[in-house]
C-alpha cells in the first residue's frame, strides 16, 4: 500500500489508506485482495466485479487476461506493458 500512498508519478495520496482483513480500505471504501495463481478460479462472477486490476505481470497478453473475463470480470486493466494488439497507456504521459 506504500506505492498507493506515495506514487512517483502522481505524488502523495492525501486520503486514508489502511489494511483490513481480506484487503485494504481507501477513504472508507473496502477493496478485496486475492492471491490465487489461476485467474480462472477467482470469484469475479460471485462478487459482480466490473474491473480487475491485473498486477501480477503474468497476464500481459489478451489470451492470458481472458482468464479474468472467463471468471466473470467485465474488464481487465493490465498494469504492465501489454503485448499484441493491446494498448499500453501511462496516465499523465500519453
PDB file of N, CA and C in Angstrom:
ATOM      1  N   UNK A   1       0.813  -1.197   0.000  1.00  0.00           N
ATOM      2  CA  UNK A   1       0.000   0.000   0.000  1.00  0.00           C
ATOM      3  C   UNK A   1       0.855   1.259   0.000  1.00  0.00           C
ATOM      4  N   UNK A   2       2.130   1.078   0.276  1.00  0.00           N
ATOM      5  CA  UNK A   2       3.031   2.230   0.276  1.00  0.00           C
ATOM      6  C   UNK A   2       2.997   2.947  -1.075  1.00  0.00           C
ATOM      7  N   UNK A   3       3.005   2.177  -2.177  1.00  0.00           N
ATOM      8  CA  UNK A   3       3.023   2.792  -3.503  1.00  0.00           C
ATOM      9  C   UNK A   3       1.694   3.458  -3.852  1.00  0.00           C
ATOM     10  N   UNK A   4       0.601   3.049  -3.223  1.00  0.00           N
ATOM     11  CA  UNK A   4      -0.668   3.744  -3.406  1.00  0.00           C
ATOM     12  C   UNK A   4      -0.599   5.109  -2.724  1.00  0.00           C
ATOM     13  N   UNK A   5      -0.031   5.119  -1.556  1.00  0.00           N
ATOM     14  CA  UNK A   5       0.049   6.348  -0.770  1.00  0.00           C
ATOM     15  C   UNK A   5       1.115   7.316  -1.304  1.00  0.00           C
ATOM     16  N   UNK A   6       2.226   6.768  -1.819  1.00  0.00           N
ATOM     17  CA  UNK A   6       3.343   7.599  -2.278  1.00  0.00           C
ATOM     18  C   UNK A   6       3.735   7.212  -3.701  1.00  0.00           C
ATOM     19  N   UNK A   7       2.995   7.681  -4.692  1.00  0.00           N
ATOM     20  CA  UNK A   7       3.230   7.337  -6.090  1.00  0.00           C
ATOM     21  C   UNK A   7       4.261   8.276  -6.710  1.00  0.00           C
ATOM     22  N   UNK A   8       5.223   7.718  -7.434  1.00  0.00           N
ATOM     23  CA  UNK A   8       6.284   8.512  -8.052  1.00  0.00           C
ATOM     24  C   UNK A   8       5.726   9.502  -9.068  1.00  0.00           C
ATOM     25  N   UNK A   9       4.798   9.074  -9.902  1.00  0.00           N
ATOM     26  CA  UNK A   9       4.254   9.940 -10.954  1.00  0.00           C
ATOM     27  C   UNK A   9       3.139  10.863 -10.453  1.00  0.00           C
ATOM     28  N   UNK A  10       2.269  10.360  -9.603  1.00  0.00           N
ATOM     29  CA  UNK A  10       1.088  11.117  -9.185  1.00  0.00           C
ATOM     30  C   UNK A  10       1.300  11.912  -7.902  1.00  0.00           C
ATOM     31  N   UNK A  11       2.375  11.616  -7.183  1.00  0.00           N
ATOM     32  CA  UNK A  11       2.638  12.313  -5.929  1.00  0.00           C
ATOM     33  C   UNK A  11       1.966  11.622  -4.753  1.00  0.00           C
ATOM     34  N   UNK A  12       1.932  12.316  -3.627  1.00  0.00           N
ATOM     35  CA  UNK A  12       1.394  11.744  -2.393  1.00  0.00           C
ATOM     36  C   UNK A  12      -0.131  11.747  -2.412  1.00  0.00           C
ATOM     37  N   UNK A  13      -0.730  10.584  -2.057  1.00  0.00           N
ATOM     38  CA  UNK A  13      -2.181  10.465  -1.922  1.00  0.00           C
ATOM     39  C   UNK A  13      -2.546  10.950  -0.531  1.00  0.00           C
ATOM     40  N   UNK A  14      -3.426  11.936  -0.449  1.00  0.00           N
ATOM     41  CA  UNK A  14      -3.737  12.541   0.850  1.00  0.00           C
ATOM     42  C   UNK A  14      -4.903  11.866   1.572  1.00  0.00           C
ATOM     43  N   UNK A  15      -5.527  10.880   0.926  1.00  0.00           N
ATOM     44  CA  UNK A  15      -6.638  10.177   1.555  1.00  0.00           C
ATOM     45  C   UNK A  15      -6.172   9.176   2.593  1.00  0.00           C
ATOM     46  N   UNK A  16      -7.141   8.475   3.178  1.00  0.00           N
ATOM     47  CA  UNK A  16      -6.869   7.459   4.195  1.00  0.00           C
ATOM     48  C   UNK A  16      -6.700   6.090   3.554  1.00  0.00           C
ATOM     49  N   UNK A  17      -5.628   5.380   3.902  1.00  0.00           N
ATOM     50  CA  UNK A  17      -5.366   4.031   3.405  1.00  0.00           C
ATOM     51  C   UNK A  17      -5.051   3.151   4.605  1.00  0.00           C
ATOM     52  N   UNK A  18      -5.756   2.010   4.725  1.00  0.00           N
ATOM     53  CA  UNK A  18      -5.488   1.107   5.839  1.00  0.00           C
ATOM     54  C   UNK A  18      -5.692  -0.345   5.419  1.00  0.00           C
ATOM     55  N   UNK A  19      -4.969  -1.242   6.063  1.00  0.00           N
ATOM     56  CA  UNK A  19      -5.091  -2.675   5.815  1.00  0.00           C
ATOM     57  C   UNK A  19      -6.251  -3.216   6.639  1.00  0.00           C
ATOM     58  N   UNK A  20      -7.089  -4.063   6.014  1.00  0.00           N
ATOM     59  CA  UNK A  20      -8.184  -4.749   6.703  1.00  0.00           C
ATOM     60  C   UNK A  20      -8.129  -6.218   6.307  1.00  0.00           C
ATOM     61  N   UNK A  21      -8.860  -7.060   7.022  1.00  0.00           N
ATOM     62  CA  UNK A  21      -8.902  -8.485   6.676  1.00  0.00           C
ATOM     63  C   UNK A  21      -9.378  -8.665   5.239  1.00  0.00           C
ATOM     64  N   UNK A  22      -8.618  -9.393   4.449  1.00  0.00           N
ATOM     65  CA  UNK A  22      -9.003  -9.695   3.075  1.00  0.00           C
ATOM     66  C   UNK A  22      -8.727  -8.599   2.071  1.00  0.00           C
ATOM     67  N   UNK A  23      -8.025  -7.544   2.483  1.00  0.00           N
ATOM     68  CA  UNK A  23      -7.730  -6.473   1.535  1.00  0.00           C
ATOM     69  C   UNK A  23      -7.293  -5.195   2.213  1.00  0.00           C
ATOM     70  N   UNK A  24      -7.812  -4.080   1.707  1.00  0.00           N
ATOM     71  CA  UNK A  24      -7.473  -2.782   2.278  1.00  0.00           C
ATOM     72  C   UNK A  24      -8.646  -1.826   2.078  1.00  0.00           C
ATOM     73  N   UNK A  25      -8.578  -0.675   2.738  1.00  0.00           N
ATOM     74  CA  UNK A  25      -9.649   0.316   2.671  1.00  0.00           C
ATOM     75  C   UNK A  25      -9.036   1.654   2.258  1.00  0.00           C
ATOM     76  N   UNK A  26      -9.691   2.312   1.292  1.00  0.00           N
ATOM     77  CA  UNK A  26      -9.252   3.623   0.823  1.00  0.00           C
ATOM     78  C   UNK A  26     -10.408   4.597   1.014  1.00  0.00           C
ATOM     79  N   UNK A  27     -10.194   5.588   1.868  1.00  0.00           N
ATOM     80  CA  UNK A  27     -11.241   6.580   2.162  1.00  0.00           C
ATOM     81  C   UNK A  27     -12.575   5.917   2.505  1.00  0.00           C
ATOM     82  N   UNK A  28     -12.512   4.844   3.292  1.00  0.00           N
ATOM     83  CA  UNK A  28     -13.716   4.160   3.749  1.00  0.00           C
ATOM     84  C   UNK A  28     -14.262   3.110   2.796  1.00  0.00           C
ATOM     85  N   UNK A  29     -13.731   3.018   1.590  1.00  0.00           N
ATOM     86  CA  UNK A  29     -14.194   2.032   0.587  1.00  0.00           C
ATOM     87  C   UNK A  29     -13.286   0.816   0.636  1.00  0.00           C
ATOM     88  N   UNK A  30     -13.888  -0.358   0.912  1.00  0.00           N
ATOM     89  CA  UNK A  30     -13.095  -1.586   1.039  1.00  0.00           C
ATOM     90  C   UNK A  30     -12.758  -2.170  -0.329  1.00  0.00           C
ATOM     91  N   UNK A  31     -11.503  -2.612  -0.476  1.00  0.00           N
ATOM     92  CA  UNK A  31     -11.010  -3.236  -1.703  1.00  0.00           C
ATOM     93  C   UNK A  31     -10.513  -4.626  -1.332  1.00  0.00           C
ATOM     94  N   UNK A  32     -11.069  -5.662  -1.966  1.00  0.00           N
ATOM     95  CA  UNK A  32     -10.642  -7.033  -1.680  1.00  0.00           C
ATOM     96  C   UNK A  32      -9.369  -7.345  -2.449  1.00  0.00           C
ATOM     97  N   UNK A  33      -8.533  -8.182  -1.845  1.00  0.00           N
ATOM     98  CA  UNK A  33      -7.275  -8.598  -2.462  1.00  0.00           C
ATOM     99  C   UNK A  33      -7.206 -10.122  -2.436  1.00  0.00           C
ATOM    100  N   UNK A  34      -6.735 -10.719  -3.537  1.00  0.00           N
ATOM    101  CA  UNK A  34      -6.650 -12.177  -3.651  1.00  0.00           C
ATOM    102  C   UNK A  34      -5.247 -12.588  -4.062  1.00  0.00           C
ATOM    103  N   UNK A  35      -4.858 -13.828  -3.718  1.00  0.00           N
ATOM    104  CA  UNK A  35      -3.550 -14.356  -4.122  1.00  0.00           C
ATOM    105  C   UNK A  35      -3.694 -15.732  -4.767  1.00  0.00           C
ATOM    106  N   UNK A  36      -4.673 -15.891  -5.624  1.00  0.00           N
ATOM    107  CA  UNK A  36      -4.926 -17.136  -6.356  1.00  0.00           C
ATOM    108  C   UNK A  36      -4.086 -17.133  -7.634  1.00  0.00           C
ATOM    109  N   UNK A  37      -3.210 -18.125  -7.815  1.00  0.00           N
ATOM    110  CA  UNK A  37      -2.343 -18.126  -9.001  1.00  0.00           C
ATOM    111  C   UNK A  37      -3.065 -18.403 -10.323  1.00  0.00           C
ATOM    112  N   UNK A  38      -4.254 -18.984 -10.289  1.00  0.00           N
ATOM    113  CA  UNK A  38      -5.007 -19.291 -11.504  1.00  0.00           C
ATOM    114  C   UNK A  38      -6.198 -18.333 -11.599  1.00  0.00           C
ATOM    115  N   UNK A  39      -6.099 -17.357 -12.483  1.00  0.00           N
ATOM    116  CA  UNK A  39      -7.134 -16.321 -12.588  1.00  0.00           C
ATOM    117  C   UNK A  39      -8.515 -16.887 -12.884  1.00  0.00           C
ATOM    118  N   UNK A  40      -8.585 -18.009 -13.552  1.00  0.00           N
ATOM    119  CA  UNK A  40      -9.894 -18.583 -13.881  1.00  0.00           C
ATOM    120  C   UNK A  40     -10.630 -19.104 -12.646  1.00  0.00           C
ATOM    121  N   UNK A  41      -9.931 -19.238 -11.511  1.00  0.00           N
ATOM    122  CA  UNK A  41     -10.545 -19.726 -10.269  1.00  0.00           C
ATOM    123  C   UNK A  41     -10.975 -18.592  -9.328  1.00  0.00           C
ATOM    124  N   UNK A  42     -10.774 -17.352  -9.729  1.00  0.00           N
ATOM    125  CA  UNK A  42     -11.136 -16.222  -8.872  1.00  0.00           C
ATOM    126  C   UNK A  42     -12.649 -15.986  -8.890  1.00  0.00           C
ATOM    127  N   UNK A  43     -13.208 -15.437  -7.793  1.00  0.00           N
ATOM    128  CA  UNK A  43     -14.666 -15.330  -7.648  1.00  0.00           C
ATOM    129  C   UNK A  43     -15.274 -14.074  -8.271  1.00  0.00           C
ATOM    130  N   UNK A  44     -14.796 -13.662  -9.438  1.00  0.00           N
ATOM    131  CA  UNK A  44     -15.262 -12.403 -10.026  1.00  0.00           C
ATOM    132  C   UNK A  44     -16.764 -12.397 -10.295  1.00  0.00           C
ATOM    133  N   UNK A  45     -17.301 -13.504 -10.769  1.00  0.00           N
ATOM    134  CA  UNK A  45     -18.740 -13.552 -11.067  1.00  0.00           C
ATOM    135  C   UNK A  45     -19.563 -13.414  -9.788  1.00  0.00           C
ATOM    136  N   UNK A  46     -19.186 -14.152  -8.736  1.00  0.00           N
ATOM    137  CA  UNK A  46     -19.912 -14.094  -7.461  1.00  0.00           C
ATOM    138  C   UNK A  46     -19.865 -12.700  -6.844  1.00  0.00           C
ATOM    139  N   UNK A  47     -18.759 -11.987  -7.057  1.00  0.00           N
ATOM    140  CA  UNK A  47     -18.587 -10.653  -6.485  1.00  0.00           C
ATOM    141  C   UNK A  47     -19.096  -9.546  -7.408  1.00  0.00           C
ATOM    142  N   UNK A  48     -19.590  -9.922  -8.596  1.00  0.00           N
ATOM    143  CA  UNK A  48     -20.089  -8.954  -9.578  1.00  0.00           C
ATOM    144  C   UNK A  48     -19.039  -7.880  -9.891  1.00  0.00           C
ATOM    145  N   UNK A  49     -17.844  -8.334 -10.236  1.00  0.00           N
ATOM    146  CA  UNK A  49     -16.713  -7.436 -10.470  1.00  0.00           C
ATOM    147  C   UNK A  49     -16.795  -6.801 -11.853  1.00  0.00           C
ATOM    148  N   UNK A  50     -16.649  -5.483 -11.897  1.00  0.00           N
ATOM    149  CA  UNK A  50     -16.630  -4.763 -13.166  1.00  0.00           C
ATOM    150  C   UNK A  50     -15.227  -4.737 -13.764  1.00  0.00           C
ATOM    151  N   UNK A  51     -14.227  -4.362 -12.943  1.00  0.00           N
ATOM    152  CA  UNK A  51     -12.861  -4.201 -13.445  1.00  0.00           C
ATOM    153  C   UNK A  51     -11.876  -4.917 -12.525  1.00  0.00           C
ATOM    154  N   UNK A  52     -11.004  -5.733 -13.126  1.00  0.00           N
ATOM    155  CA  UNK A  52      -9.911  -6.380 -12.395  1.00  0.00           C
ATOM    156  C   UNK A  52      -8.640  -5.594 -12.668  1.00  0.00           C
ATOM    157  N   UNK A  53      -7.904  -5.247 -11.621  1.00  0.00           N
ATOM    158  CA  UNK A  53      -6.588  -4.635 -11.768  1.00  0.00           C
ATOM    159  C   UNK A  53      -5.571  -5.762 -11.762  1.00  0.00           C
ATOM    160  N   UNK A  54      -5.065  -6.125 -12.922  1.00  0.00           N
ATOM    161  CA  UNK A  54      -4.133  -7.243 -13.081  1.00  0.00           C
ATOM    162  C   UNK A  54      -2.712  -6.729 -12.863  1.00  0.00           C
ATOM    163  N   UNK A  55      -2.159  -7.041 -11.684  1.00  0.00           N
ATOM    164  CA  UNK A  55      -0.859  -6.501 -11.279  1.00  0.00           C
ATOM    165  C   UNK A  55       0.201  -7.571 -11.055  1.00  0.00           C
ATOM    166  N   UNK A  56      -0.012  -8.778 -11.557  1.00  0.00           N
ATOM    167  CA  UNK A  56       0.966  -9.846 -11.332  1.00  0.00           C
ATOM    168  C   UNK A  56       2.124  -9.790 -12.311  1.00  0.00           C
ATOM    169  N   UNK A  57       1.922  -9.170 -13.467  1.00  0.00           N
ATOM    170  CA  UNK A  57       2.952  -9.174 -14.506  1.00  0.00           C
ATOM    171  C   UNK A  57       2.928 -10.434 -15.348  1.00  0.00           C
ATOM    172  N   UNK A  58       2.019 -11.355 -15.053  1.00  0.00           N
ATOM    173  CA  UNK A  58       1.926 -12.609 -15.798  1.00  0.00           C
ATOM    174  C   UNK A  58       0.884 -12.540 -16.917  1.00  0.00           C
ATOM    175  N   UNK A  59      -0.272 -11.969 -16.626  1.00  0.00           N
ATOM    176  CA  UNK A  59      -1.379 -11.929 -17.590  1.00  0.00           C
ATOM    177  C   UNK A  59      -1.268 -10.681 -18.471  1.00  0.00           C
ATOM    178  N   UNK A  60      -0.215 -10.592 -19.286  1.00  0.00           N
ATOM    179  CA  UNK A  60       0.059  -9.379 -20.057  1.00  0.00           C
ATOM    180  C   UNK A  60      -0.334  -9.462 -21.525  1.00  0.00           C
ATOM    181  N   UNK A  61      -0.938 -10.559 -21.950  1.00  0.00           N
ATOM    182  CA  UNK A  61      -1.461 -10.597 -23.318  1.00  0.00           C
ATOM    183  C   UNK A  61      -2.951 -10.929 -23.268  1.00  0.00           C
ATOM    184  N   UNK A  62      -3.600 -10.733 -24.389  1.00  0.00           N
ATOM    185  CA  UNK A  62      -5.060 -10.877 -24.445  1.00  0.00           C
ATOM    186  C   UNK A  62      -5.523 -12.280 -24.049  1.00  0.00           C
ATOM    187  N   UNK A  63      -4.837 -13.305 -24.530  1.00  0.00           N
ATOM    188  CA  UNK A  63      -5.244 -14.683 -24.224  1.00  0.00           C
ATOM    189  C   UNK A  63      -5.153 -14.986 -22.734  1.00  0.00           C
ATOM    190  N   UNK A  64      -4.070 -14.554 -22.088  1.00  0.00           N
ATOM    191  CA  UNK A  64      -3.920 -14.811 -20.649  1.00  0.00           C
ATOM    192  C   UNK A  64      -4.923 -13.996 -19.834  1.00  0.00           C
ATOM    193  N   UNK A  65      -5.078 -12.714 -20.169  1.00  0.00           N
ATOM    194  CA  UNK A  65      -6.003 -11.848 -19.433  1.00  0.00           C
ATOM    195  C   UNK A  65      -7.449 -12.313 -19.587  1.00  0.00           C
ATOM    196  N   UNK A  66      -7.737 -13.040 -20.637  1.00  0.00           N
ATOM    197  CA  UNK A  66      -9.074 -13.575 -20.882  1.00  0.00           C
ATOM    198  C   UNK A  66      -9.550 -14.472 -19.730  1.00  0.00           C
ATOM    199  N   UNK A  67      -8.621 -15.063 -18.979  1.00  0.00           N
ATOM    200  CA  UNK A  67      -8.987 -15.910 -17.835  1.00  0.00           C
ATOM    201  C   UNK A  67      -9.807 -15.123 -16.811  1.00  0.00           C
ATOM    202  N   UNK A  68      -9.495 -13.832 -16.624  1.00  0.00           N
ATOM    203  CA  UNK A  68     -10.276 -12.993 -15.704  1.00  0.00           C
ATOM    204  C   UNK A  68     -11.700 -12.799 -16.228  1.00  0.00           C
ATOM    205  N   UNK A  69     -11.826 -12.604 -17.532  1.00  0.00           N
ATOM    206  CA  UNK A  69     -13.146 -12.432 -18.149  1.00  0.00           C
ATOM    207  C   UNK A  69     -13.957 -13.719 -17.999  1.00  0.00           C
ATOM    208  N   UNK A  70     -13.313 -14.848 -18.245  1.00  0.00           N
ATOM    209  CA  UNK A  70     -13.990 -16.142 -18.109  1.00  0.00           C
ATOM    210  C   UNK A  70     -14.417 -16.411 -16.669  1.00  0.00           C
ATOM    211  N   UNK A  71     -13.690 -15.828 -15.695  1.00  0.00           N
ATOM    212  CA  UNK A  71     -14.049 -15.982 -14.284  1.00  0.00           C
ATOM    213  C   UNK A  71     -15.187 -15.043 -13.881  1.00  0.00           C
ATOM    214  N   UNK A  72     -15.584 -14.136 -14.794  1.00  0.00           N
ATOM    215  CA  UNK A  72     -16.730 -13.280 -14.512  1.00  0.00           C
ATOM    216  C   UNK A  72     -16.473 -11.789 -14.505  1.00  0.00           C
ATOM    217  N   UNK A  73     -15.217 -11.352 -14.633  1.00  0.00           N
ATOM    218  CA  UNK A  73     -14.935  -9.915 -14.680  1.00  0.00           C
ATOM    219  C   UNK A  73     -15.415  -9.345 -16.009  1.00  0.00           C
ATOM    220  N   UNK A  74     -15.841  -8.084 -15.989  1.00  0.00           N
ATOM    221  CA  UNK A  74     -16.298  -7.449 -17.223  1.00  0.00           C
ATOM    222  C   UNK A  74     -15.134  -6.851 -18.008  1.00  0.00           C
ATOM    223  N   UNK A  75     -14.113  -6.343 -17.295  1.00  0.00           N
ATOM    224  CA  UNK A  75     -12.942  -5.731 -17.936  1.00  0.00           C
ATOM    225  C   UNK A  75     -11.696  -6.071 -17.128  1.00  0.00           C
ATOM    226  N   UNK A  76     -10.533  -5.994 -17.794  1.00  0.00           N
ATOM    227  CA  UNK A  76      -9.248  -6.228 -17.132  1.00  0.00           C
ATOM    228  C   UNK A  76      -8.319  -5.068 -17.468  1.00  0.00           C
ATOM    229  N   UNK A  77      -7.730  -4.461 -16.444  1.00  0.00           N
ATOM    230  CA  UNK A  77      -6.732  -3.415 -16.630  1.00  0.00           C
ATOM    231  C   UNK A  77      -5.380  -4.017 -16.275  1.00  0.00           C
ATOM    232  N   UNK A  78      -4.499  -4.133 -17.263  1.00  0.00           N
ATOM    233  CA  UNK A  78      -3.180  -4.744 -17.067  1.00  0.00           C
ATOM    234  C   UNK A  78      -2.196  -3.654 -16.657  1.00  0.00           C
ATOM    235  N   UNK A  79      -1.497  -3.843 -15.546  1.00  0.00           N
ATOM    236  CA  UNK A  79      -0.593  -2.814 -15.021  1.00  0.00           C
ATOM    237  C   UNK A  79       0.852  -3.008 -15.467  1.00  0.00           C
ATOM    238  N   UNK A  80       1.050  -3.603 -16.621  1.00  0.00           N
ATOM    239  CA  UNK A  80       2.392  -3.822 -17.175  1.00  0.00           C
ATOM    240  C   UNK A  80       2.292  -3.612 -18.679  1.00  0.00           C
ATOM    241  N   UNK A  81       3.417  -3.426 -19.357  1.00  0.00           N
ATOM    242  CA  UNK A  81       3.338  -3.302 -20.817  1.00  0.00           C
ATOM    243  C   UNK A  81       2.659  -4.530 -21.423  1.00  0.00           C
ATOM    244  N   UNK A  82       1.591  -4.299 -22.155  1.00  0.00           N
ATOM    245  CA  UNK A  82       0.832  -5.386 -22.767  1.00  0.00           C
ATOM    246  C   UNK A  82       1.446  -5.772 -24.110  1.00  0.00           C
ATOM    247  N   UNK A  83       1.154  -6.981 -24.533  1.00  0.00           N
ATOM    248  CA  UNK A  83       1.684  -7.456 -25.809  1.00  0.00           C
ATOM    249  C   UNK A  83       0.556  -7.574 -26.831  1.00  0.00           C
ATOM    250  N   UNK A  84       0.931  -7.770 -28.080  1.00  0.00           N
ATOM    251  CA  UNK A  84      -0.060  -7.937 -29.137  1.00  0.00           C
ATOM    252  C   UNK A  84      -0.761  -6.639 -29.470  1.00  0.00           C
ATOM    253  N   UNK A  85      -2.071  -6.708 -29.723  1.00  0.00           N
ATOM    254  CA  UNK A  85      -2.831  -5.533 -30.147  1.00  0.00           C
ATOM    255  C   UNK A  85      -3.420  -4.728 -28.981  1.00  0.00           C
ATOM    256  N   UNK A  86      -3.010  -5.024 -27.752  1.00  0.00           N
ATOM    257  CA  UNK A  86      -3.496  -4.286 -26.587  1.00  0.00           C
ATOM    258  C   UNK A  86      -2.723  -2.981 -26.435  1.00  0.00           C
ATOM    259  N   UNK A  87      -3.423  -1.907 -26.080  1.00  0.00           N
ATOM    260  CA  UNK A  87      -2.787  -0.603 -25.899  1.00  0.00           C
ATOM    261  C   UNK A  87      -2.112  -0.524 -24.538  1.00  0.00           C
ATOM    262  N   UNK A  88      -0.949   0.126 -24.504  1.00  0.00           N
ATOM    263  CA  UNK A  88      -0.286   0.446 -23.245  1.00  0.00           C
ATOM    264  C   UNK A  88      -0.429   1.943 -23.035  1.00  0.00           C
ATOM    265  N   UNK A  89      -1.042   2.337 -21.924  1.00  0.00           N
ATOM    266  CA  UNK A  89      -1.285   3.744 -21.626  1.00  0.00           C
ATOM    267  C   UNK A  89      -0.658   4.061 -20.278  1.00  0.00           C
ATOM    268  N   UNK A  90       0.101   5.166 -20.229  1.00  0.00           N
ATOM    269  CA  UNK A  90       0.693   5.632 -18.979  1.00  0.00           C
ATOM    270  C   UNK A  90      -0.011   6.931 -18.606  1.00  0.00           C
ATOM    271  N   UNK A  91      -0.743   6.907 -17.492  1.00  0.00           N
ATOM    272  CA  UNK A  91      -1.516   8.058 -17.031  1.00  0.00           C
ATOM    273  C   UNK A  91      -0.620   9.284 -16.898  1.00  0.00           C
ATOM    274  N   UNK A  92      -1.087  10.417 -17.386  1.00  0.00           N
ATOM    275  CA  UNK A  92      -0.364  11.695 -17.380  1.00  0.00           C
ATOM    276  C   UNK A  92       0.849  11.701 -18.295  1.00  0.00           C
ATOM    277  N   UNK A  93       0.980  10.686 -19.164  1.00  0.00           N
ATOM    278  CA  UNK A  93       2.114  10.647 -20.083  1.00  0.00           C
ATOM    279  C   UNK A  93       1.643  10.616 -21.531  1.00  0.00           C
ATOM    280  N   UNK A  94       0.713   9.721 -21.869  1.00  0.00           N
ATOM    281  CA  UNK A  94       0.222   9.686 -23.259  1.00  0.00           C
ATOM    282  C   UNK A  94      -1.287   9.720 -23.322  1.00  0.00           C
TER     283      UNK A  94
END
